[in-house]
Amino acid sequence: MKTSPLFRLDLRDAAKGLIVAVGGAVITLIENSISAGTFQLDWKKIGMAALAAGLAYLIKNFFTPSQVVTPVPSPAPTPTPAPTPVPATDPVAAP
């Protein structure tokens, strides 16, 4: 998979920026609720955090050169050694 070229953004970047913005807003909501001790919706704080997170992601992608991302193949499974046979003992033939 190839990323967008330097100084360009594509639709995939915008979609990922939206996901980052929503994630930033959710984290801000959780952080504000924990620090206040109650569930509060401060839309201005949440919106500013979402905007900052989304813009930061888009700016980072705008200035990042194009890269080819290849998936890393999984390592081959190591064979498990066969169990060693236990010699059978015959209780009748014991000396």
Protein backbone atom coordinates (compact mmCIF):
# COMPACT_ATOMS: atom_id res chain seq x y z
CA MET A 1 0.00 0.00 0.00
CA LYS A 2 1.36 3.41 -0.92
CA THR A 3 0.75 6.50 1.18
CA SER A 4 -0.14 9.90 -0.26
CA PRO A 5 2.71 11.93 -1.82
CA LEU A 6 4.52 14.79 -0.08
CA PHE A 7 2.42 18.00 0.20
CA ARG A 8 -0.79 16.20 -0.78
CA LEU A 9 -3.68 14.68 1.13
CA ASP A 10 -6.11 12.12 -0.21
CA LEU A 11 -9.48 10.84 0.93
CA ARG A 12 -7.87 8.13 3.06
CA ASP A 13 -5.96 10.81 5.00
CA ALA A 14 -9.17 12.75 5.60
CA ALA A 15 -10.98 9.63 6.84
CA LYS A 16 -8.13 8.75 9.19
CA GLY A 17 -8.01 12.37 10.38
CA LEU A 18 -11.70 12.16 11.24
CA ILE A 19 -11.09 8.96 13.20
CA VAL A 20 -8.25 10.65 15.10
CA ALA A 21 -10.47 13.68 15.80
CA VAL A 22 -13.28 11.50 17.18
CA GLY A 23 -10.78 9.53 19.28
CA GLY A 24 -9.32 12.76 20.64
CA ALA A 25 -12.79 14.02 21.52
CA VAL A 26 -13.66 10.79 23.33
CA ILE A 27 -10.41 10.86 25.30
CA THR A 28 -11.05 14.50 26.24
CA LEU A 29 -14.59 13.63 27.36
CA ILE A 30 -13.31 10.80 29.55
CA GLU A 31 -10.51 12.93 30.99
CA ASN A 32 -12.88 15.81 31.82
CA SER A 33 -15.40 13.45 33.43
CA ILE A 34 -12.76 11.78 35.58
CA SER A 35 -11.21 15.07 36.74
CA ALA A 36 -14.62 16.62 37.52
CA GLY A 37 -15.91 13.51 39.28
CA THR A 38 -19.18 13.65 37.30
CA PHE A 39 -20.16 13.13 33.69
CA GLN A 40 -19.94 16.58 32.11
CA LEU A 41 -20.14 17.68 28.48
CA ASP A 42 -18.04 20.76 27.87
CA TRP A 43 -18.60 20.97 24.12
CA LYS A 44 -16.10 23.78 23.63
CA LYS A 45 -13.25 21.79 25.20
CA ILE A 46 -14.26 18.61 23.39
CA GLY A 47 -14.53 20.40 20.05
CA MET A 48 -11.18 22.14 20.45
CA ALA A 49 -9.46 18.86 21.36
CA ALA A 50 -11.04 17.11 18.37
CA LEU A 51 -10.05 19.94 16.03
CA ALA A 52 -6.48 19.98 17.36
CA ALA A 53 -6.10 16.19 17.08
CA GLY A 54 -7.52 16.05 13.55
CA LEU A 55 -5.47 19.00 12.30
CA ALA A 56 -2.29 17.65 13.87
CA TYR A 57 -2.79 14.34 12.07
CA LEU A 58 -3.48 16.02 8.73
CA ILE A 59 -0.49 18.36 9.07
CA LYS A 60 1.75 15.42 9.92
CA ASN A 61 0.56 13.54 6.82
CA PHE A 62 0.91 16.65 4.63
CA PHE A 63 4.62 16.93 5.44
CA THR A 64 5.40 13.18 5.41
CA PRO A 65 6.91 11.88 2.14
CA SER A 66 5.30 9.03 0.24
CA GLN A 67 6.12 5.57 1.54
CA VAL A 68 5.36 2.06 0.38
CA VAL A 69 4.01 0.04 3.29
CA THR A 70 4.36 -3.71 2.92
CA PRO A 71 2.94 -6.18 5.40
CA VAL A 72 5.50 -8.18 7.32
CA PRO A 73 5.11 -11.91 6.68
CA SER A 74 4.53 -13.98 9.76
CA PRO A 75 7.45 -16.18 10.76
CA ALA A 76 7.30 -19.86 9.89
CA PRO A 77 6.10 -21.96 12.79
CA THR A 78 8.83 -23.86 14.56
CA PRO A 79 8.30 -27.61 14.54
CA THR A 80 7.66 -29.12 17.93
CA PRO A 81 9.97 -31.99 18.81
CA ALA A 82 8.43 -35.44 18.95
CA PRO A 83 8.07 -36.83 22.46
CA THR A 84 10.75 -39.32 23.43
CA PRO A 85 9.43 -42.83 23.85
CA VAL A 86 9.51 -44.22 27.35
CA PRO A 87 10.86 -47.80 27.47
CA ALA A 88 8.21 -50.22 28.60
CA THR A 89 9.04 -52.33 31.62
CA ASP A 90 7.65 -55.80 32.02
CA PRO A 91 6.90 -56.42 35.71
CA VAL A 92 7.00 -60.20 35.22
CA ALA A 93 10.46 -60.22 33.65
CA ALA A 94 11.99 -58.09 36.39
CA PRO A 95 14.89 -59.83 38.19
